[in-house]
Amino acid sequence: MQNDKTTLRDLAVFPADGSGGVFALIDRTTTQAGRDVLRKHILNPPDSYEQLAAIQDTIKFWSSHGDLWPVVILNGTLVMLDKFFESAEGASAPPSGLAAMLTPTFQKLFNKREYFFTKFSLSHLSDFLKGCLQLTAIADMPNVPERLLAELNKMKGNLEHKLTSELTEINEHTPFATLARLQYHARREMKNTVYRLIGSYALLDAWQSMARSTNEHKLVFAELVPELPVLLEGEGIYHPLLATPVSYNLSFGAGKNFLLLTGANMSGKTTFLRAVGISSLLAHLGMGAPAKRLRTSFMQGIITNMHAEDNILKGESYFYAEVQRMKQIAAKLSSERPHLALMDELFKGTNVHDACECTKAVVEGLMNHPNHIMALSTHLYEVAQQFSSDSRILFYYFVTNISASGEYKFTYQLRQGISDDRIGYLILQQEGVIDMLKKKQ
């Protein structure tokens, strides 16, 4: 799956304003190295159905065996190991003679800094190797997923170093002379080995993080199916970043792969599109999705057009930015391999007549791409009406209750059909904007 930065921004995966977003929702890593791998996984999800299925099996395993995660390895452990091996270049010769025979008391007295660095760094190295050994023991369990087993066996191979046994036996009673010797040899002989182990550990950390957040937020693993025929079916899909979300059902399939969504401003259209996008994204990471049930084809990517931005430096208007984003969507949809395309209130940067004509042309063009799942929201009732007789289009709308006196209430309920609700003027009136402007100075 391929998702660009615009899509990730539209879905609030990595919010620019510093708020938590989707990443914070699923980040339960124990180390910065694991966090970096998780971020890379989101930016570059599995690129085939087979790879995704293998990752999902691994995350399912961790969701049932979270108690096997070693608690002895902390983020500080990896930070200390990095400092330990960074200082190897300037390390002294192997301890010998008088220096090796000095008691810990004399070591602390005459070389206090080196004494404590040696003890502290080797204790972290010992803990790290112990934690890795705990992880590799999982390989002997029954029904370990193939992808996880491959990574554990890689770790097991790196742990077959001649110093591993001695280092894992270090305790508070280990003589300083032994520690000094182990430090010297570990710095020179284990650097590449330990960094390879850290790479494997970070990958496992990212996997267990997605499993832990799946359990914590009661997310549901999707049923994955091959790319074609394209489908996306869900029950109880909701936006996971909302405190009290409303859930929705949807069903896309062959011959019914395009949704035209109408409703008043602020009625819930954008939130719905984002809920669908986030659910699909998390499913394609191999973890649970915010839904009661989700079944999806493997998608090549998610692409959105929700919040275009003008570019003053380039002299590009808001409308031009919208057109360029639509051009990028068209390029993605030219592929026969399925994508999920989510488009929200297109062509806001032009007048209503232009917006209607442009949106109508886009809808007509989208109907030529049956291998993709597509959803387009609009408050332009006239556009939806022009296609109301097309049986290939799914028509849904968000209900807004409007009283005879002009009072309105959003229900956030989704129903089949087309809405002609218009409440822009009512909102302007209710917020007191018109009365404020009428007052003379």
Protein backbone atom coordinates (compact mmCIF):
# COMPACT_ATOMS: atom_id res chain seq x y z
CA MET A 1 0.00 0.00 0.00
CA GLN A 2 1.20 3.51 -0.85
CA ASN A 3 -0.11 6.58 0.98
CA ASP A 4 1.23 10.07 0.36
CA LYS A 5 1.78 12.81 2.93
CA THR A 6 -1.41 14.61 1.93
CA THR A 7 -3.50 11.54 2.67
CA LEU A 8 -1.80 10.99 6.03
CA ARG A 9 -2.40 14.65 6.89
CA ASP A 10 -6.06 14.50 5.84
CA LEU A 11 -6.56 11.44 8.04
CA ALA A 12 -4.74 13.12 10.98
CA VAL A 13 -2.15 10.36 11.22
CA PHE A 14 0.74 12.75 11.96
CA PRO A 15 -0.97 16.08 12.80
CA ALA A 16 1.17 19.14 12.09
CA ASP A 17 -0.27 20.97 15.11
CA GLY A 18 1.40 18.56 17.51
CA SER A 19 -1.81 16.90 18.69
CA GLY A 20 -1.79 13.16 19.16
CA GLY A 21 -3.54 11.95 16.03
CA VAL A 22 -3.73 8.36 14.88
CA PHE A 23 -0.03 7.73 15.50
CA ALA A 24 -0.38 8.52 19.20
CA LEU A 25 -3.42 6.23 19.31
CA ILE A 26 -1.44 3.18 18.19
CA ASP A 27 2.02 4.00 19.57
CA ARG A 28 2.63 1.64 22.47
CA THR A 29 6.28 1.04 21.70
CA THR A 30 8.76 0.72 24.55
CA THR A 31 11.75 2.28 22.76
CA GLN A 32 12.50 5.12 20.39
CA ALA A 33 13.92 2.58 17.93
CA GLY A 34 10.58 0.75 17.93
CA ARG A 35 8.75 4.06 17.51
CA ASP A 36 10.86 4.89 14.47
CA VAL A 37 10.07 1.49 12.91
CA LEU A 38 6.35 1.98 13.61
CA ARG A 39 6.43 5.34 11.86
CA LYS A 40 8.20 3.81 8.86
CA HIS A 41 5.63 1.00 8.79
CA ILE A 42 2.83 3.56 8.52
CA LEU A 43 4.66 5.42 5.77
CA ASN A 44 5.41 2.18 3.92
CA PRO A 45 2.77 -0.47 4.70
CA PRO A 46 3.06 -4.01 3.24
CA ASP A 47 3.00 -3.82 -0.56
CA SER A 48 1.29 -7.14 -1.27
CA TYR A 49 -1.62 -9.15 0.04
CA GLU A 50 0.72 -11.97 1.10
CA GLN A 51 3.00 -9.65 3.07
CA LEU A 52 0.05 -7.98 4.77
CA ALA A 53 -1.47 -11.34 5.76
CA ALA A 54 1.88 -12.41 7.24
CA ILE A 55 2.16 -9.20 9.29
CA GLN A 56 -1.44 -9.49 10.46
CA ASP A 57 -0.79 -13.05 11.68
CA THR A 58 2.20 -11.77 13.65
CA ILE A 59 0.24 -8.93 15.26
CA LYS A 60 -2.59 -11.36 16.10
CA PHE A 61 -0.02 -13.55 17.86
CA TRP A 62 1.24 -10.64 19.96
CA SER A 63 -2.31 -9.61 20.81
CA SER A 64 -2.76 -13.03 22.44
CA HIS A 65 0.74 -13.28 23.96
CA GLY A 66 1.52 -9.77 25.16
CA ASP A 67 2.73 -11.18 28.47
CA LEU A 68 5.75 -12.64 26.65
CA TRP A 69 7.16 -9.19 25.92
CA PRO A 70 10.39 -8.73 27.97
CA VAL A 71 10.20 -5.94 30.54
CA VAL A 72 13.94 -5.94 31.15
CA ILE A 73 14.66 -3.85 28.03
CA LEU A 74 13.84 -0.15 28.31
CA ASN A 75 14.45 2.81 26.03
CA GLY A 76 17.34 3.79 28.32
CA THR A 77 18.87 0.37 27.65
CA LEU A 78 19.25 1.09 23.96
CA VAL A 79 20.42 4.66 24.59
CA MET A 80 23.15 3.33 26.89
CA LEU A 81 24.21 0.69 24.38
CA ASP A 82 24.59 3.34 21.72
CA LYS A 83 26.86 5.38 24.00
CA PHE A 84 28.76 2.22 24.95
CA PHE A 85 29.65 1.34 21.37
CA GLU A 86 30.19 4.96 20.30
CA SER A 87 32.96 5.20 22.91
CA ALA A 88 34.69 2.04 21.66
CA GLU A 89 37.02 3.95 19.35
CA GLY A 90 38.68 5.75 22.21
CA ALA A 91 38.81 2.81 24.60
CA SER A 92 42.08 1.88 26.25
CA ALA A 93 44.03 -1.33 25.83
CA PRO A 94 42.76 -4.52 27.52
CA PRO A 95 43.14 -4.38 31.31
CA SER A 96 46.25 -6.14 32.58
CA GLY A 97 48.83 -6.06 35.34
CA LEU A 98 48.20 -3.75 38.27
CA ALA A 99 45.07 -2.13 36.75
CA ALA A 100 43.39 -5.51 36.51
CA MET A 101 44.25 -6.46 40.09
CA LEU A 102 42.99 -3.27 41.74
CA THR A 103 40.04 -3.85 44.04
CA PRO A 104 36.73 -2.15 43.26
CA THR A 105 37.47 0.30 46.08
CA PHE A 106 40.70 1.43 44.42
CA GLN A 107 39.01 1.47 40.99
CA LYS A 108 36.31 3.79 42.33
CA LEU A 109 38.92 5.95 44.00
CA PHE A 110 41.39 6.33 41.12
CA ASN A 111 39.15 5.87 38.05
CA LYS A 112 35.68 6.61 39.30
CA ARG A 113 34.16 7.61 35.94
CA GLU A 114 35.42 4.52 34.08
CA TYR A 115 34.43 2.24 36.94
CA PHE A 116 30.79 3.30 37.00
CA PHE A 117 30.55 3.52 33.19
CA THR A 118 31.82 -0.06 32.91
CA LYS A 119 29.41 -1.44 35.50
CA PHE A 120 26.43 0.54 34.22
CA SER A 121 26.93 -0.12 30.51
CA LEU A 122 27.60 -3.83 30.93
CA SER A 123 24.51 -4.24 33.10
CA HIS A 124 22.46 -2.73 30.27
CA LEU A 125 24.15 -4.94 27.68
CA SER A 126 23.47 -7.96 29.87
CA ASP A 127 19.80 -6.98 30.27
CA PHE A 128 19.43 -6.45 26.54
CA LEU A 129 20.87 -9.86 25.70
CA LYS A 130 18.68 -11.50 28.36
CA GLY A 131 15.61 -9.83 26.87
CA CYS A 132 16.57 -11.00 23.39
CA LEU A 133 17.02 -14.55 24.68
CA GLN A 134 13.54 -14.37 26.20
CA LEU A 135 12.17 -13.38 22.83
CA THR A 136 13.96 -16.14 20.92
CA ALA A 137 12.48 -18.71 23.30
CA ILE A 138 9.13 -17.91 21.67
CA ALA A 139 10.40 -19.66 18.53
CA ASP A 140 10.02 -23.00 20.32
CA MET A 141 6.32 -22.44 20.95
CA PRO A 142 3.69 -24.09 18.72
CA ASN A 143 1.91 -22.13 15.98
CA VAL A 144 4.31 -19.21 15.83
CA PRO A 145 3.55 -17.18 12.65
CA GLU A 146 6.07 -17.61 9.87
CA ARG A 147 7.07 -13.92 9.66
CA LEU A 148 7.64 -13.71 13.41
CA LEU A 149 9.54 -17.00 13.42
CA ALA A 150 11.89 -15.72 10.73
CA GLU A 151 12.77 -12.63 12.79
CA LEU A 152 13.22 -14.67 15.98
CA ASN A 153 15.54 -17.08 14.20
CA LYS A 154 17.55 -14.12 12.92
CA MET A 155 17.91 -12.92 16.51
CA LYS A 156 18.85 -16.40 17.63
CA GLY A 157 21.67 -16.51 15.08
CA ASN A 158 23.06 -13.19 16.29
CA LEU A 159 22.95 -14.37 19.89
CA GLU A 160 25.28 -17.27 19.10
CA HIS A 161 28.28 -15.12 19.96
CA LYS A 162 31.01 -16.47 22.21
CA LEU A 163 30.56 -13.58 24.67
CA THR A 164 26.78 -13.89 25.04
CA SER A 165 26.89 -16.50 27.78
CA GLU A 166 29.37 -14.58 29.95
CA LEU A 167 27.60 -11.27 29.49
CA THR A 168 24.20 -12.64 30.49
CA GLU A 169 25.70 -14.09 33.70
CA ILE A 170 26.85 -10.67 34.95
CA ASN A 171 25.50 -9.71 38.37
CA GLU A 172 26.38 -7.38 41.24
CA HIS A 173 29.04 -9.81 42.47
CA THR A 174 30.94 -10.08 39.18
CA PRO A 175 34.58 -8.98 39.80
CA PHE A 176 35.57 -5.69 38.23
CA ALA A 177 38.48 -7.34 36.47
CA THR A 178 35.99 -9.61 34.67
CA LEU A 179 33.79 -6.63 33.81
CA ALA A 180 36.75 -4.70 32.42
CA ARG A 181 37.77 -7.64 30.25
CA LEU A 182 34.23 -8.18 28.96
CA GLN A 183 33.85 -4.49 28.23
CA TYR A 184 37.00 -4.42 26.14
CA HIS A 185 36.07 -7.47 24.04
CA ALA A 186 32.38 -6.60 23.72
CA ARG A 187 33.21 -3.16 22.37
CA ARG A 188 35.44 -4.63 19.70
CA GLU A 189 33.66 -7.85 18.83
CA MET A 190 29.93 -7.31 19.35
CA LYS A 191 29.09 -3.87 17.97
CA ASN A 192 27.63 -5.03 14.65
CA THR A 193 25.97 -8.01 16.31
CA VAL A 194 24.24 -5.85 18.92
CA TYR A 195 23.07 -3.31 16.34
CA ARG A 196 21.55 -6.14 14.29
CA LEU A 197 19.78 -7.36 17.43
CA ILE A 198 18.51 -3.83 18.10
CA GLY A 199 17.11 -3.73 14.56
CA SER A 200 15.21 -6.97 15.14
CA TYR A 201 14.06 -5.85 18.57
CA ALA A 202 12.77 -2.53 17.17
CA LEU A 203 10.73 -4.39 14.55
CA LEU A 204 9.23 -6.66 17.20
CA ASP A 205 8.55 -3.58 19.34
CA ALA A 206 6.53 -2.01 16.52
CA TRP A 207 4.54 -5.23 16.05
CA GLN A 208 3.75 -5.63 19.75
CA SER A 209 2.78 -1.94 19.89
CA MET A 210 0.10 -2.43 17.23
CA ALA A 211 -1.10 -5.55 19.04
CA ARG A 212 -1.22 -3.77 22.38
CA SER A 213 -3.16 -0.80 20.99
CA THR A 214 -5.52 -3.19 19.18
CA ASN A 215 -6.38 -4.77 22.54
CA GLU A 216 -6.44 -1.49 24.45
CA HIS A 217 -8.89 0.20 22.08
CA LYS A 218 -10.87 -2.99 21.35
CA LEU A 219 -10.14 -2.80 17.65
CA VAL A 220 -11.05 -5.64 15.29
CA PHE A 221 -8.78 -7.47 12.86
CA ALA A 222 -10.07 -7.19 9.31
CA GLU A 223 -10.81 -10.15 7.10
CA LEU A 224 -8.37 -9.69 4.24
CA VAL A 225 -9.10 -10.85 0.71
CA PRO A 226 -7.07 -10.53 -2.53
CA GLU A 227 -7.26 -7.40 -4.64
CA LEU A 228 -9.99 -8.29 -7.12
CA PRO A 229 -12.94 -8.33 -7.26
CA VAL A 230 -12.72 -5.19 -5.16
CA LEU A 231 -14.78 -4.92 -1.97
CA LEU A 232 -14.97 -3.04 1.30
CA GLU A 233 -17.59 -4.08 3.83
CA GLY A 234 -17.91 -2.97 7.41
CA GLU A 235 -20.23 -2.88 10.38
CA GLY A 236 -19.90 -0.36 13.16
CA ILE A 237 -17.07 1.64 11.57
CA TYR A 238 -16.26 4.70 13.68
CA HIS A 239 -13.69 7.48 14.00
CA PRO A 240 -11.25 6.35 16.71
CA LEU A 241 -10.14 9.86 17.73
CA LEU A 242 -13.61 10.99 18.83
CA ALA A 243 -14.65 10.67 22.47
CA THR A 244 -18.20 9.59 21.61
CA PRO A 245 -18.15 8.45 17.97
CA VAL A 246 -21.16 7.40 15.92
CA SER A 247 -20.70 4.12 14.07
CA TYR A 248 -21.72 3.32 10.48
CA ASN A 249 -22.23 0.35 8.19
CA LEU A 250 -21.09 0.28 4.59
CA SER A 251 -20.85 -2.19 1.74
CA PHE A 252 -18.90 -1.62 -1.46
CA GLY A 253 -18.49 -4.30 -4.07
CA ALA A 254 -18.47 -5.10 -7.76
CA GLY A 255 -20.99 -2.87 -9.53
CA LYS A 256 -21.44 -0.78 -6.36
CA ASN A 257 -18.02 0.72 -5.81
CA PHE A 258 -18.87 4.43 -5.72
CA LEU A 259 -20.60 6.35 -2.93
CA LEU A 260 -22.09 9.82 -3.41
CA LEU A 261 -22.59 11.38 0.00
CA THR A 262 -24.79 14.45 0.63
CA GLY A 263 -25.88 16.43 3.64
CA ALA A 264 -25.67 19.87 5.17
CA ASN A 265 -22.43 21.51 6.23
CA MET A 266 -21.18 20.12 9.56
CA SER A 267 -23.57 17.16 9.36
CA GLY A 268 -20.82 14.51 9.53
CA LYS A 269 -19.67 13.87 5.96
CA THR A 270 -15.98 14.61 6.47
CA THR A 271 -15.80 12.64 9.73
CA PHE A 272 -17.40 9.67 8.01
CA LEU A 273 -14.88 9.74 5.16
CA ARG A 274 -12.02 9.96 7.63
CA ALA A 275 -13.43 7.04 9.64
CA VAL A 276 -13.46 4.91 6.49
CA GLY A 277 -9.93 6.01 5.59
CA ILE A 278 -8.47 5.38 9.05
CA SER A 279 -10.15 1.97 9.32
CA SER A 280 -8.72 0.94 5.97
CA LEU A 281 -5.28 2.30 6.81
CA LEU A 282 -5.05 0.43 10.13
CA ALA A 283 -6.29 -2.76 8.50
CA HIS A 284 -3.53 -2.42 5.91
CA LEU A 285 -0.94 -2.07 8.68
CA GLY A 286 -2.00 -5.52 9.84
CA MET A 287 -3.51 -4.35 13.13
CA GLY A 288 -7.07 -3.97 14.33
CA ALA A 289 -9.46 -1.39 12.87
CA PRO A 290 -12.16 0.71 14.57
CA ALA A 291 -15.20 -1.37 13.65
CA LYS A 292 -17.30 -4.31 14.79
CA ARG A 293 -16.47 -6.12 11.57
CA LEU A 294 -14.39 -5.23 8.53
CA ARG A 295 -13.74 -7.12 5.31
CA THR A 296 -11.52 -5.55 2.68
CA SER A 297 -9.67 -6.24 -0.51
CA PHE A 298 -5.97 -5.50 -0.43
CA MET A 299 -5.67 -1.92 -1.67
CA GLN A 300 -2.66 -0.46 -3.44
CA GLY A 301 -3.17 2.80 -1.61
CA ILE A 302 -5.47 5.37 -0.05
CA ILE A 303 -5.66 8.79 -1.65
CA THR A 304 -7.70 11.72 -0.35
CA ASN A 305 -8.79 15.15 -1.48
CA MET A 306 -10.08 16.82 1.67
CA HIS A 307 -8.09 19.92 2.43
CA ALA A 308 -6.26 21.54 -0.46
CA GLU A 309 -3.89 24.42 0.25
CA ASP A 310 -2.99 27.32 -1.99
CA ASN A 311 0.65 28.25 -2.56
CA ILE A 312 1.34 31.98 -2.54
CA LEU A 313 5.02 31.57 -3.37
CA LYS A 314 4.20 29.58 -6.49
CA GLY A 315 1.23 31.80 -7.36
CA GLU A 316 -1.15 28.85 -7.16
CA SER A 317 -4.75 29.49 -6.09
CA TYR A 318 -6.86 27.28 -3.87
CA PHE A 319 -8.86 26.11 -6.89
CA TYR A 320 -5.69 25.24 -8.79
CA ALA A 321 -4.49 23.20 -5.79
CA GLU A 322 -7.81 21.31 -5.81
CA VAL A 323 -7.44 20.57 -9.52
CA GLN A 324 -3.86 19.34 -9.07
CA ARG A 325 -4.92 17.02 -6.26
CA MET A 326 -7.74 15.67 -8.41
CA LYS A 327 -5.18 15.10 -11.16
CA GLN A 328 -3.13 12.98 -8.76
CA ILE A 329 -6.22 10.95 -7.87
CA ALA A 330 -6.97 10.41 -11.56
CA ALA A 331 -3.42 9.11 -12.07
CA LYS A 332 -3.84 6.60 -9.23
CA LEU A 333 -7.21 5.44 -10.55
CA SER A 334 -5.71 4.79 -13.97
CA SER A 335 -4.14 1.70 -12.41
CA GLU A 336 -6.14 -1.53 -12.54
CA ARG A 337 -4.99 -2.38 -9.01
CA PRO A 338 -7.54 -1.12 -6.45
CA HIS A 339 -7.24 2.08 -4.43
CA LEU A 340 -9.48 3.74 -1.89
CA ALA A 341 -10.24 7.32 -3.02
CA LEU A 342 -11.95 9.70 -0.57
CA MET A 343 -13.01 13.13 -1.86
CA ASP A 344 -14.64 15.77 0.30
CA GLU A 345 -16.56 18.80 -0.99
CA LEU A 346 -14.65 19.30 -4.23
CA PHE A 347 -13.95 22.65 -5.88
CA LYS A 348 -14.70 24.94 -2.96
CA GLY A 349 -12.34 27.47 -4.53
CA THR A 350 -14.71 28.49 -7.31
CA ASN A 351 -18.30 29.69 -7.72
CA VAL A 352 -21.27 27.38 -7.27
CA HIS A 353 -21.98 27.00 -10.99
CA ASP A 354 -18.36 26.08 -11.75
CA ALA A 355 -18.25 23.74 -8.76
CA CYS A 356 -21.37 21.93 -10.00
CA GLU A 357 -20.03 21.53 -13.52
CA CYS A 358 -16.59 20.37 -12.32
CA THR A 359 -18.03 17.94 -9.77
CA LYS A 360 -20.43 16.52 -12.37
CA ALA A 361 -17.52 15.92 -14.77
CA VAL A 362 -15.51 14.22 -12.01
CA VAL A 363 -18.39 11.91 -11.09
CA GLU A 364 -18.84 10.92 -14.73
CA GLY A 365 -15.14 10.15 -14.97
CA LEU A 366 -15.05 8.16 -11.73
CA MET A 367 -17.69 5.80 -13.08
CA ASN A 368 -15.09 4.53 -15.59
CA HIS A 369 -13.00 2.94 -12.81
CA PRO A 370 -14.80 -0.13 -11.44
CA ASN A 371 -11.70 -1.63 -9.77
CA HIS A 372 -11.50 1.04 -7.08
CA ILE A 373 -13.51 1.98 -3.99
CA MET A 374 -14.51 5.65 -4.20
CA ALA A 375 -16.51 8.02 -2.02
CA LEU A 376 -17.31 11.65 -2.76
CA SER A 377 -19.15 14.01 -0.45
CA THR A 378 -20.89 17.16 -1.64
CA HIS A 379 -23.43 19.66 -0.38
CA LEU A 380 -24.32 20.39 -4.02
CA TYR A 381 -27.74 18.73 -4.12
CA GLU A 382 -28.04 19.47 -7.84
CA VAL A 383 -25.06 17.25 -8.71
CA ALA A 384 -26.40 14.25 -6.83
CA GLN A 385 -29.81 14.65 -8.43
CA GLN A 386 -28.33 14.48 -11.93
CA PHE A 387 -27.06 10.95 -11.20
CA SER A 388 -29.96 9.74 -9.05
CA SER A 389 -31.06 7.16 -11.62
CA ASP A 390 -27.59 5.57 -11.98
CA SER A 391 -27.83 2.16 -10.31
CA ARG A 392 -24.04 1.89 -10.02
CA ILE A 393 -23.90 4.68 -7.43
CA LEU A 394 -24.62 4.29 -3.73
CA PHE A 395 -26.50 7.36 -2.45
CA TYR A 396 -26.38 8.18 1.25
CA TYR A 397 -26.98 11.34 3.23
CA PHE A 398 -26.60 12.66 6.75
CA VAL A 399 -29.80 13.63 8.51
CA THR A 400 -30.20 17.14 9.92
CA ASN A 401 -33.43 17.93 11.77
CA ILE A 402 -34.64 21.43 10.86
CA SER A 403 -37.71 22.89 12.56
CA ALA A 404 -40.23 25.29 11.02
CA SER A 405 -38.72 28.11 13.08
CA GLY A 406 -35.27 27.49 11.61
CA GLU A 407 -33.75 25.58 14.52
CA TYR A 408 -31.47 22.75 13.43
CA LYS A 409 -29.94 19.70 15.08
CA PHE A 410 -27.31 17.35 13.69
CA THR A 411 -28.16 13.69 14.22
CA TYR A 412 -25.03 12.27 12.52
CA GLN A 413 -27.23 9.45 11.26
CA LEU A 414 -26.61 8.01 7.80
CA ARG A 415 -29.51 7.07 5.54
CA GLN A 416 -29.97 6.01 1.95
CA GLY A 417 -30.95 8.77 -0.42
CA ILE A 418 -30.04 12.37 -1.30
CA SER A 419 -30.28 15.40 0.97
CA ASP A 420 -31.14 18.94 -0.08
CA ASP A 421 -30.57 20.41 3.39
CA ARG A 422 -29.06 23.89 3.41
CA ILE A 423 -28.27 25.46 6.74
CA GLY A 424 -25.41 27.83 5.96
CA TYR A 425 -27.59 30.91 6.40
CA LEU A 426 -29.14 29.47 9.56
CA ILE A 427 -25.70 28.94 11.10
CA LEU A 428 -24.66 32.48 10.17
CA GLN A 429 -27.85 33.78 11.75
CA GLN A 430 -27.62 31.66 14.89
CA GLU A 431 -24.03 32.73 15.55
CA GLY A 432 -25.20 36.35 15.55
CA VAL A 433 -22.98 37.37 12.65
CA ILE A 434 -25.75 39.09 10.69
CA ASP A 435 -27.00 41.08 13.71
CA MET A 436 -23.44 42.19 14.51
CA LEU A 437 -22.92 43.46 10.98
CA LYS A 438 -26.24 45.32 10.95
CA LYS A 439 -25.28 47.44 13.95
CA LYS A 440 -24.23 50.92 12.93
CA GLN A 441 -21.20 52.55 14.50
